[in-house]
């Protein structure tokens, strides 16, 4: 018998489902963010290197913007995953 915890089978099932869903959504968000960030940095570097000084600010701006998107989706993913965890776990 566990003292201080009153968990039913239904509660454990719901906790498992929300945790699984949260981890799945969080993983997808991280993947999409990583793809956007890496792709944007690659395209930005290509623009900067092929256009010289004229295109460098545009390429850098694109790289910076997509890196920001990547960081934002990472934070959203962490929040979704944390929301799926049951209190105290």
PDB file of N, CA and C in Angstrom:
ATOM      1  N   UNK A   1       0.837  -1.166   0.000  1.00  0.00           N
ATOM      2  CA  UNK A   1       0.000   0.000   0.000  1.00  0.00           C
ATOM      3  C   UNK A   1       0.891   1.242   0.000  1.00  0.00           C
ATOM      4  N   UNK A   2       0.552   2.187  -0.837  1.00  0.00           N
ATOM      5  CA  UNK A   2       1.300   3.434  -0.940  1.00  0.00           C
ATOM      6  C   UNK A   2       0.582   4.501  -0.135  1.00  0.00           C
ATOM      7  N   UNK A   3       1.297   5.117   0.773  1.00  0.00           N
ATOM      8  CA  UNK A   3       0.701   6.162   1.597  1.00  0.00           C
ATOM      9  C   UNK A   3       0.838   7.507   0.897  1.00  0.00           C
ATOM     10  N   UNK A   4      -0.201   8.320   0.954  1.00  0.00           N
ATOM     11  CA  UNK A   4      -0.144   9.658   0.394  1.00  0.00           C
ATOM     12  C   UNK A   4      -0.470   9.735  -1.082  1.00  0.00           C
ATOM     13  N   UNK A   5      -0.749   8.591  -1.682  1.00  0.00           N
ATOM     14  CA  UNK A   5      -1.106   8.582  -3.102  1.00  0.00           C
ATOM     15  C   UNK A   5      -2.346   7.740  -3.289  1.00  0.00           C
ATOM     16  N   UNK A   6      -3.313   8.312  -3.950  1.00  0.00           N
ATOM     17  CA  UNK A   6      -4.543   7.585  -4.240  1.00  0.00           C
ATOM     18  C   UNK A   6      -4.722   7.593  -5.749  1.00  0.00           C
ATOM     19  N   UNK A   7      -4.067   6.661  -6.410  1.00  0.00           N
ATOM     20  CA  UNK A   7      -4.131   6.596  -7.860  1.00  0.00           C
ATOM     21  C   UNK A   7      -4.940   5.380  -8.286  1.00  0.00           C
ATOM     22  N   UNK A   8      -5.886   5.627  -9.151  1.00  0.00           N
ATOM     23  CA  UNK A   8      -6.691   4.531  -9.672  1.00  0.00           C
ATOM     24  C   UNK A   8      -6.112   4.070 -11.000  1.00  0.00           C
ATOM     25  N   UNK A   9      -6.607   2.950 -11.484  1.00  0.00           N
ATOM     26  CA  UNK A   9      -6.186   2.458 -12.787  1.00  0.00           C
ATOM     27  C   UNK A   9      -6.537   3.436 -13.889  1.00  0.00           C
ATOM     28  N   UNK A  10      -7.698   4.090 -13.761  1.00  0.00           N
ATOM     29  CA  UNK A  10      -8.121   5.063 -14.759  1.00  0.00           C
ATOM     30  C   UNK A  10      -7.159   6.246 -14.772  1.00  0.00           C
ATOM     31  N   UNK A  11      -6.803   6.730 -13.601  1.00  0.00           N
ATOM     32  CA  UNK A  11      -5.874   7.862 -13.517  1.00  0.00           C
ATOM     33  C   UNK A  11      -4.531   7.488 -14.119  1.00  0.00           C
ATOM     34  N   UNK A  12      -4.053   6.297 -13.844  1.00  0.00           N
ATOM     35  CA  UNK A  12      -2.776   5.864 -14.419  1.00  0.00           C
ATOM     36  C   UNK A  12      -2.867   5.766 -15.941  1.00  0.00           C
ATOM     37  N   UNK A  13      -4.017   5.295 -16.444  1.00  0.00           N
ATOM     38  CA  UNK A  13      -4.204   5.206 -17.889  1.00  0.00           C
ATOM     39  C   UNK A  13      -4.229   6.571 -18.548  1.00  0.00           C
ATOM     40  N   UNK A  14      -4.925   7.509 -17.918  1.00  0.00           N
ATOM     41  CA  UNK A  14      -4.979   8.870 -18.461  1.00  0.00           C
ATOM     42  C   UNK A  14      -3.599   9.511 -18.422  1.00  0.00           C
ATOM     43  N   UNK A  15      -2.876   9.305 -17.333  1.00  0.00           N
ATOM     44  CA  UNK A  15      -1.522   9.844 -17.218  1.00  0.00           C
ATOM     45  C   UNK A  15      -0.628   9.285 -18.315  1.00  0.00           C
ATOM     46  N   UNK A  16      -0.741   7.986 -18.572  1.00  0.00           N
ATOM     47  CA  UNK A  16       0.056   7.359 -19.625  1.00  0.00           C
ATOM     48  C   UNK A  16      -0.296   7.960 -20.985  1.00  0.00           C
ATOM     49  N   UNK A  17      -1.584   8.121 -21.259  1.00  0.00           N
ATOM     50  CA  UNK A  17      -2.027   8.652 -22.554  1.00  0.00           C
ATOM     51  C   UNK A  17      -1.565  10.094 -22.757  1.00  0.00           C
ATOM     52  N   UNK A  18      -1.730  10.931 -21.730  1.00  0.00           N
ATOM     53  CA  UNK A  18      -1.324  12.328 -21.885  1.00  0.00           C
ATOM     54  C   UNK A  18       0.189  12.453 -21.985  1.00  0.00           C
ATOM     55  N   UNK A  19       0.911  11.606 -21.266  1.00  0.00           N
ATOM     56  CA  UNK A  19       2.370  11.631 -21.342  1.00  0.00           C
ATOM     57  C   UNK A  19       2.825  11.205 -22.734  1.00  0.00           C
ATOM     58  N   UNK A  20       2.221  10.158 -23.263  1.00  0.00           N
ATOM     59  CA  UNK A  20       2.578   9.675 -24.593  1.00  0.00           C
ATOM     60  C   UNK A  20       2.259  10.723 -25.651  1.00  0.00           C
ATOM     61  N   UNK A  21       1.092  11.328 -25.552  1.00  0.00           N
ATOM     62  CA  UNK A  21       0.703  12.369 -26.499  1.00  0.00           C
ATOM     63  C   UNK A  21       1.642  13.575 -26.397  1.00  0.00           C
ATOM     64  N   UNK A  22       1.925  13.993 -25.174  1.00  0.00           N
ATOM     65  CA  UNK A  22       2.827  15.137 -24.973  1.00  0.00           C
ATOM     66  C   UNK A  22       4.210  14.874 -25.529  1.00  0.00           C
ATOM     67  N   UNK A  23       4.730  13.683 -25.289  1.00  0.00           N
ATOM     68  CA  UNK A  23       6.054  13.343 -25.807  1.00  0.00           C
ATOM     69  C   UNK A  23       6.049  13.266 -27.334  1.00  0.00           C
ATOM     70  N   UNK A  24       4.972  12.743 -27.901  1.00  0.00           N
ATOM     71  CA  UNK A  24       4.873  12.658 -29.361  1.00  0.00           C
ATOM     72  C   UNK A  24       4.810  14.032 -30.005  1.00  0.00           C
ATOM     73  N   UNK A  25       3.937  14.882 -29.483  1.00  0.00           N
ATOM     74  CA  UNK A  25       3.808  16.242 -30.026  1.00  0.00           C
ATOM     75  C   UNK A  25       5.110  17.021 -29.823  1.00  0.00           C
ATOM     76  N   UNK A  26       5.715  16.861 -28.659  1.00  0.00           N
ATOM     77  CA  UNK A  26       6.984  17.532 -28.394  1.00  0.00           C
ATOM     78  C   UNK A  26       8.079  17.085 -29.349  1.00  0.00           C
ATOM     79  N   UNK A  27       8.125  15.794 -29.622  1.00  0.00           N
ATOM     80  CA  UNK A  27       9.131  15.273 -30.556  1.00  0.00           C
ATOM     81  C   UNK A  27       8.938  15.800 -31.965  1.00  0.00           C
ATOM     82  N   UNK A  28       7.680  15.855 -32.404  1.00  0.00           N
ATOM     83  CA  UNK A  28       7.395  16.383 -33.744  1.00  0.00           C
ATOM     84  C   UNK A  28       7.771  17.865 -33.813  1.00  0.00           C
ATOM     85  N   UNK A  29       7.439  18.613 -32.778  1.00  0.00           N
ATOM     86  CA  UNK A  29       7.777  20.045 -32.763  1.00  0.00           C
ATOM     87  C   UNK A  29       9.285  20.253 -32.821  1.00  0.00           C
ATOM     88  N   UNK A  30      10.024  19.450 -32.072  1.00  0.00           N
ATOM     89  CA  UNK A  30      11.494  19.556 -32.111  1.00  0.00           C
ATOM     90  C   UNK A  30      12.028  19.244 -33.504  1.00  0.00           C
ATOM     91  N   UNK A  31      11.460  18.215 -34.127  1.00  0.00           N
ATOM     92  CA  UNK A  31      11.914  17.822 -35.462  1.00  0.00           C
ATOM     93  C   UNK A  31      11.662  18.932 -36.477  1.00  0.00           C
ATOM     94  N   UNK A  32      10.443  19.459 -36.476  1.00  0.00           N
ATOM     95  CA  UNK A  32      10.099  20.534 -37.411  1.00  0.00           C
ATOM     96  C   UNK A  32      10.980  21.759 -37.157  1.00  0.00           C
ATOM     97  N   UNK A  33      11.153  22.118 -35.904  1.00  0.00           N
ATOM     98  CA  UNK A  33      11.999  23.260 -35.579  1.00  0.00           C
ATOM     99  C   UNK A  33      13.434  23.062 -36.027  1.00  0.00           C
ATOM    100  N   UNK A  34      13.940  21.857 -35.835  1.00  0.00           N
ATOM    101  CA  UNK A  34      15.309  21.557 -36.257  1.00  0.00           C
ATOM    102  C   UNK A  34      15.476  21.630 -37.764  1.00  0.00           C
ATOM    103  N   UNK A  35      14.481  21.138 -38.489  1.00  0.00           N
ATOM    104  CA  UNK A  35      14.537  21.179 -39.952  1.00  0.00           C
ATOM    105  C   UNK A  35      14.493  22.627 -40.441  1.00  0.00           C
ATOM    106  N   UNK A  36      13.577  23.412 -39.880  1.00  0.00           N
ATOM    107  CA  UNK A  36      13.461  24.821 -40.272  1.00  0.00           C
ATOM    108  C   UNK A  36      14.759  25.568 -39.951  1.00  0.00           C
ATOM    109  N   UNK A  37      15.297  25.350 -38.760  1.00  0.00           N
ATOM    110  CA  UNK A  37      16.522  26.038 -38.357  1.00  0.00           C
ATOM    111  C   UNK A  37      17.703  25.674 -39.241  1.00  0.00           C
ATOM    112  N   UNK A  38      17.913  24.381 -39.450  1.00  0.00           N
ATOM    113  CA  UNK A  38      19.050  23.946 -40.264  1.00  0.00           C
ATOM    114  C   UNK A  38      18.888  24.376 -41.717  1.00  0.00           C
ATOM    115  N   UNK A  39      17.675  24.233 -42.235  1.00  0.00           N
ATOM    116  CA  UNK A  39      17.426  24.633 -43.624  1.00  0.00           C
ATOM    117  C   UNK A  39      17.644  26.123 -43.830  1.00  0.00           C
ATOM    118  N   UNK A  40      17.135  26.909 -42.909  1.00  0.00           N
ATOM    119  CA  UNK A  40      17.292  28.360 -43.013  1.00  0.00           C
ATOM    120  C   UNK A  40      18.738  28.803 -42.913  1.00  0.00           C
ATOM    121  N   UNK A  41      19.476  28.160 -42.002  1.00  0.00           N
ATOM    122  CA  UNK A  41      20.898  28.496 -41.894  1.00  0.00           C
ATOM    123  C   UNK A  41      21.634  28.136 -43.177  1.00  0.00           C
ATOM    124  N   UNK A  42      21.315  26.975 -43.740  1.00  0.00           N
ATOM    125  CA  UNK A  42      21.958  26.552 -44.986  1.00  0.00           C
ATOM    126  C   UNK A  42      21.644  27.486 -46.137  1.00  0.00           C
ATOM    127  N   UNK A  43      20.382  27.839 -46.286  1.00  0.00           N
ATOM    128  CA  UNK A  43      19.994  28.758 -47.363  1.00  0.00           C
ATOM    129  C   UNK A  43      20.609  30.135 -47.125  1.00  0.00           C
ATOM    130  N   UNK A  44      20.587  30.590 -45.879  1.00  0.00           N
ATOM    131  CA  UNK A  44      21.186  31.889 -45.561  1.00  0.00           C
ATOM    132  C   UNK A  44      22.664  31.934 -45.881  1.00  0.00           C
ATOM    133  N   UNK A  45      23.383  30.870 -45.540  1.00  0.00           N
ATOM    134  CA  UNK A  45      24.816  30.814 -45.841  1.00  0.00           C
ATOM    135  C   UNK A  45      25.058  30.761 -47.344  1.00  0.00           C
ATOM    136  N   UNK A  46      24.193  30.051 -48.060  1.00  0.00           N
ATOM    137  CA  UNK A  46      24.327  29.984 -49.515  1.00  0.00           C
ATOM    138  C   UNK A  46      24.116  31.362 -50.138  1.00  0.00           C
ATOM    139  N   UNK A  47      23.086  32.064 -49.691  1.00  0.00           N
ATOM    140  CA  UNK A  47      22.830  33.413 -50.201  1.00  0.00           C
ATOM    141  C   UNK A  47      24.023  34.322 -49.914  1.00  0.00           C
ATOM    142  N   UNK A  48      24.503  34.261 -48.687  1.00  0.00           N
ATOM    143  CA  UNK A  48      25.619  35.128 -48.304  1.00  0.00           C
ATOM    144  C   UNK A  48      26.882  34.824 -49.105  1.00  0.00           C
ATOM    145  N   UNK A  49      27.156  33.551 -49.341  1.00  0.00           N
ATOM    146  CA  UNK A  49      28.406  33.206 -50.035  1.00  0.00           C
ATOM    147  C   UNK A  49      28.319  33.414 -51.544  1.00  0.00           C
ATOM    148  N   UNK A  50      27.141  33.302 -52.125  1.00  0.00           N
ATOM    149  CA  UNK A  50      27.038  33.440 -53.580  1.00  0.00           C
ATOM    150  C   UNK A  50      26.833  34.885 -54.035  1.00  0.00           C
ATOM    151  N   UNK A  51      26.334  35.734 -53.171  1.00  0.00           N
ATOM    152  CA  UNK A  51      26.052  37.109 -53.571  1.00  0.00           C
ATOM    153  C   UNK A  51      27.083  38.101 -53.055  1.00  0.00           C
ATOM    154  N   UNK A  52      27.984  37.642 -52.216  1.00  0.00           N
ATOM    155  CA  UNK A  52      29.022  38.533 -51.701  1.00  0.00           C
ATOM    156  C   UNK A  52      28.470  39.505 -50.677  1.00  0.00           C
ATOM    157  N   UNK A  53      29.088  40.646 -50.597  1.00  0.00           N
ATOM    158  CA  UNK A  53      28.715  41.632 -49.581  1.00  0.00           C
ATOM    159  C   UNK A  53      27.278  42.108 -49.721  1.00  0.00           C
ATOM    160  N   UNK A  54      26.786  42.171 -50.940  1.00  0.00           N
ATOM    161  CA  UNK A  54      25.428  42.682 -51.161  1.00  0.00           C
ATOM    162  C   UNK A  54      24.379  41.787 -50.515  1.00  0.00           C
ATOM    163  N   UNK A  55      24.556  40.489 -50.603  1.00  0.00           N
ATOM    164  CA  UNK A  55      23.556  39.567 -50.075  1.00  0.00           C
ATOM    165  C   UNK A  55      23.828  39.077 -48.672  1.00  0.00           C
ATOM    166  N   UNK A  56      24.967  39.422 -48.128  1.00  0.00           N
ATOM    167  CA  UNK A  56      25.330  38.927 -46.800  1.00  0.00           C
ATOM    168  C   UNK A  56      24.326  39.313 -45.718  1.00  0.00           C
ATOM    169  N   UNK A  57      23.838  40.546 -45.664  1.00  0.00           N
ATOM    170  CA  UNK A  57      22.851  40.884 -44.629  1.00  0.00           C
ATOM    171  C   UNK A  57      21.544  40.088 -44.765  1.00  0.00           C
ATOM    172  N   UNK A  58      21.137  39.845 -45.995  1.00  0.00           N
ATOM    173  CA  UNK A  58      19.909  39.072 -46.220  1.00  0.00           C
ATOM    174  C   UNK A  58      20.112  37.632 -45.772  1.00  0.00           C
ATOM    175  N   UNK A  59      21.233  37.047 -46.175  1.00  0.00           N
ATOM    176  CA  UNK A  59      21.530  35.666 -45.775  1.00  0.00           C
ATOM    177  C   UNK A  59      21.636  35.522 -44.269  1.00  0.00           C
ATOM    178  N   UNK A  60      22.285  36.485 -43.629  1.00  0.00           N
ATOM    179  CA  UNK A  60      22.438  36.441 -42.169  1.00  0.00           C
ATOM    180  C   UNK A  60      21.095  36.621 -41.477  1.00  0.00           C
ATOM    181  N   UNK A  61      20.260  37.510 -42.009  1.00  0.00           N
ATOM    182  CA  UNK A  61      18.932  37.722 -41.423  1.00  0.00           C
ATOM    183  C   UNK A  61      18.085  36.453 -41.516  1.00  0.00           C
ATOM    184  N   UNK A  62      18.149  35.779 -42.655  1.00  0.00           N
ATOM    185  CA  UNK A  62      17.393  34.530 -42.814  1.00  0.00           C
ATOM    186  C   UNK A  62      17.898  33.472 -41.840  1.00  0.00           C
ATOM    187  N   UNK A  63      19.201  33.345 -41.739  1.00  0.00           N
ATOM    188  CA  UNK A  63      19.778  32.364 -40.815  1.00  0.00           C
ATOM    189  C   UNK A  63      19.381  32.677 -39.374  1.00  0.00           C
ATOM    190  N   UNK A  64      19.443  33.939 -38.997  1.00  0.00           N
ATOM    191  CA  UNK A  64      19.087  34.335 -37.633  1.00  0.00           C
ATOM    192  C   UNK A  64      17.603  34.091 -37.350  1.00  0.00           C
ATOM    193  N   UNK A  65      16.751  34.417 -38.313  1.00  0.00           N
ATOM    194  CA  UNK A  65      15.309  34.243 -38.116  1.00  0.00           C
ATOM    195  C   UNK A  65      14.951  32.770 -37.943  1.00  0.00           C
ATOM    196  N   UNK A  66      15.513  31.918 -38.776  1.00  0.00           N
ATOM    197  CA  UNK A  66      15.168  30.494 -38.672  1.00  0.00           C
ATOM    198  C   UNK A  66      15.795  29.848 -37.444  1.00  0.00           C
ATOM    199  N   UNK A  67      16.924  30.363 -36.997  1.00  0.00           N
ATOM    200  CA  UNK A  67      17.491  29.871 -35.733  1.00  0.00           C
ATOM    201  C   UNK A  67      16.574  30.262 -34.577  1.00  0.00           C
ATOM    202  N   UNK A  68      15.989  31.439 -34.642  1.00  0.00           N
ATOM    203  CA  UNK A  68      15.017  31.856 -33.632  1.00  0.00           C
ATOM    204  C   UNK A  68      13.785  30.977 -33.629  1.00  0.00           C
ATOM    205  N   UNK A  69      13.308  30.606 -34.811  1.00  0.00           N
ATOM    206  CA  UNK A  69      12.158  29.694 -34.912  1.00  0.00           C
ATOM    207  C   UNK A  69      12.511  28.352 -34.293  1.00  0.00           C
ATOM    208  N   UNK A  70      13.710  27.880 -34.570  1.00  0.00           N
ATOM    209  CA  UNK A  70      14.158  26.607 -34.011  1.00  0.00           C
ATOM    210  C   UNK A  70      14.165  26.656 -32.479  1.00  0.00           C
ATOM    211  N   UNK A  71      14.696  27.729 -31.933  1.00  0.00           N
ATOM    212  CA  UNK A  71      14.725  27.876 -30.471  1.00  0.00           C
ATOM    213  C   UNK A  71      13.334  27.971 -29.877  1.00  0.00           C
ATOM    214  N   UNK A  72      12.444  28.685 -30.560  1.00  0.00           N
ATOM    215  CA  UNK A  72      11.072  28.814 -30.079  1.00  0.00           C
ATOM    216  C   UNK A  72      10.329  27.493 -30.071  1.00  0.00           C
ATOM    217  N   UNK A  73      10.483  26.714 -31.139  1.00  0.00           N
ATOM    218  CA  UNK A  73       9.798  25.419 -31.168  1.00  0.00           C
ATOM    219  C   UNK A  73      10.381  24.466 -30.132  1.00  0.00           C
ATOM    220  N   UNK A  74      11.658  24.602 -29.840  1.00  0.00           N
ATOM    221  CA  UNK A  74      12.262  23.761 -28.794  1.00  0.00           C
ATOM    222  C   UNK A  74      11.625  24.067 -27.442  1.00  0.00           C
ATOM    223  N   UNK A  75      11.426  25.362 -27.156  1.00  0.00           N
ATOM    224  CA  UNK A  75      10.806  25.741 -25.883  1.00  0.00           C
ATOM    225  C   UNK A  75       9.338  25.297 -25.821  1.00  0.00           C
ATOM    226  N   UNK A  76       8.641  25.384 -26.936  1.00  0.00           N
ATOM    227  CA  UNK A  76       7.252  24.906 -26.974  1.00  0.00           C
ATOM    228  C   UNK A  76       7.222  23.399 -26.737  1.00  0.00           C
ATOM    229  N   UNK A  77       8.122  22.672 -27.381  1.00  0.00           N
ATOM    230  CA  UNK A  77       8.180  21.221 -27.211  1.00  0.00           C
ATOM    231  C   UNK A  77       8.442  20.849 -25.753  1.00  0.00           C
ATOM    232  N   UNK A  78       9.349  21.547 -25.112  1.00  0.00           N
ATOM    233  CA  UNK A  78       9.635  21.275 -23.702  1.00  0.00           C
ATOM    234  C   UNK A  78       8.397  21.529 -22.839  1.00  0.00           C
ATOM    235  N   UNK A  79       7.654  22.584 -23.150  1.00  0.00           N
ATOM    236  CA  UNK A  79       6.433  22.884 -22.404  1.00  0.00           C
ATOM    237  C   UNK A  79       5.365  21.845 -22.594  1.00  0.00           C
ATOM    238  N   UNK A  80       5.195  21.372 -23.832  1.00  0.00           N
ATOM    239  CA  UNK A  80       4.190  20.338 -24.118  1.00  0.00           C
ATOM    240  C   UNK A  80       4.556  19.049 -23.396  1.00  0.00           C
ATOM    241  N   UNK A  81       5.823  18.685 -23.440  1.00  0.00           N
ATOM    242  CA  UNK A  81       6.253  17.471 -22.756  1.00  0.00           C
ATOM    243  C   UNK A  81       6.069  17.594 -21.248  1.00  0.00           C
ATOM    244  N   UNK A  82       6.377  18.751 -20.691  1.00  0.00           N
ATOM    245  CA  UNK A  82       6.207  18.964 -19.244  1.00  0.00           C
ATOM    246  C   UNK A  82       4.726  18.916 -18.863  1.00  0.00           C
ATOM    247  N   UNK A  83       3.871  19.446 -19.713  1.00  0.00           N
ATOM    248  CA  UNK A  83       2.438  19.425 -19.420  1.00  0.00           C
ATOM    249  C   UNK A  83       1.879  18.014 -19.401  1.00  0.00           C
ATOM    250  N   UNK A  84       2.496  17.121 -20.161  1.00  0.00           N
ATOM    251  CA  UNK A  84       2.037  15.734 -20.204  1.00  0.00           C
ATOM    252  C   UNK A  84       2.456  14.911 -19.015  1.00  0.00           C
ATOM    253  N   UNK A  85       3.419  15.419 -18.256  1.00  0.00           N
ATOM    254  CA  UNK A  85       3.873  14.682 -17.069  1.00  0.00           C
ATOM    255  C   UNK A  85       2.925  14.925 -15.908  1.00  0.00           C
ATOM    256  N   UNK A  86       2.686  13.870 -15.178  1.00  0.00           N
ATOM    257  CA  UNK A  86       1.842  13.991 -13.992  1.00  0.00           C
ATOM    258  C   UNK A  86       2.621  14.717 -12.897  1.00  0.00           C
ATOM    259  N   UNK A  87       1.946  15.450 -12.050  1.00  0.00           N
ATOM    260  CA  UNK A  87       2.626  16.127 -10.943  1.00  0.00           C
ATOM    261  C   UNK A  87       3.413  15.132 -10.081  1.00  0.00           C
ATOM    262  N   UNK A  88       4.600  15.493  -9.749  1.00  0.00           N
ATOM    263  CA  UNK A  88       5.412  14.649  -8.872  1.00  0.00           C
ATOM    264  C   UNK A  88       6.166  13.550  -9.587  1.00  0.00           C
ATOM    265  N   UNK A  89       6.109  13.533 -10.921  1.00  0.00           N
ATOM    266  CA  UNK A  89       6.812  12.464 -11.642  1.00  0.00           C
ATOM    267  C   UNK A  89       7.948  13.002 -12.429  1.00  0.00           C
TER     268      UNK A  89
END
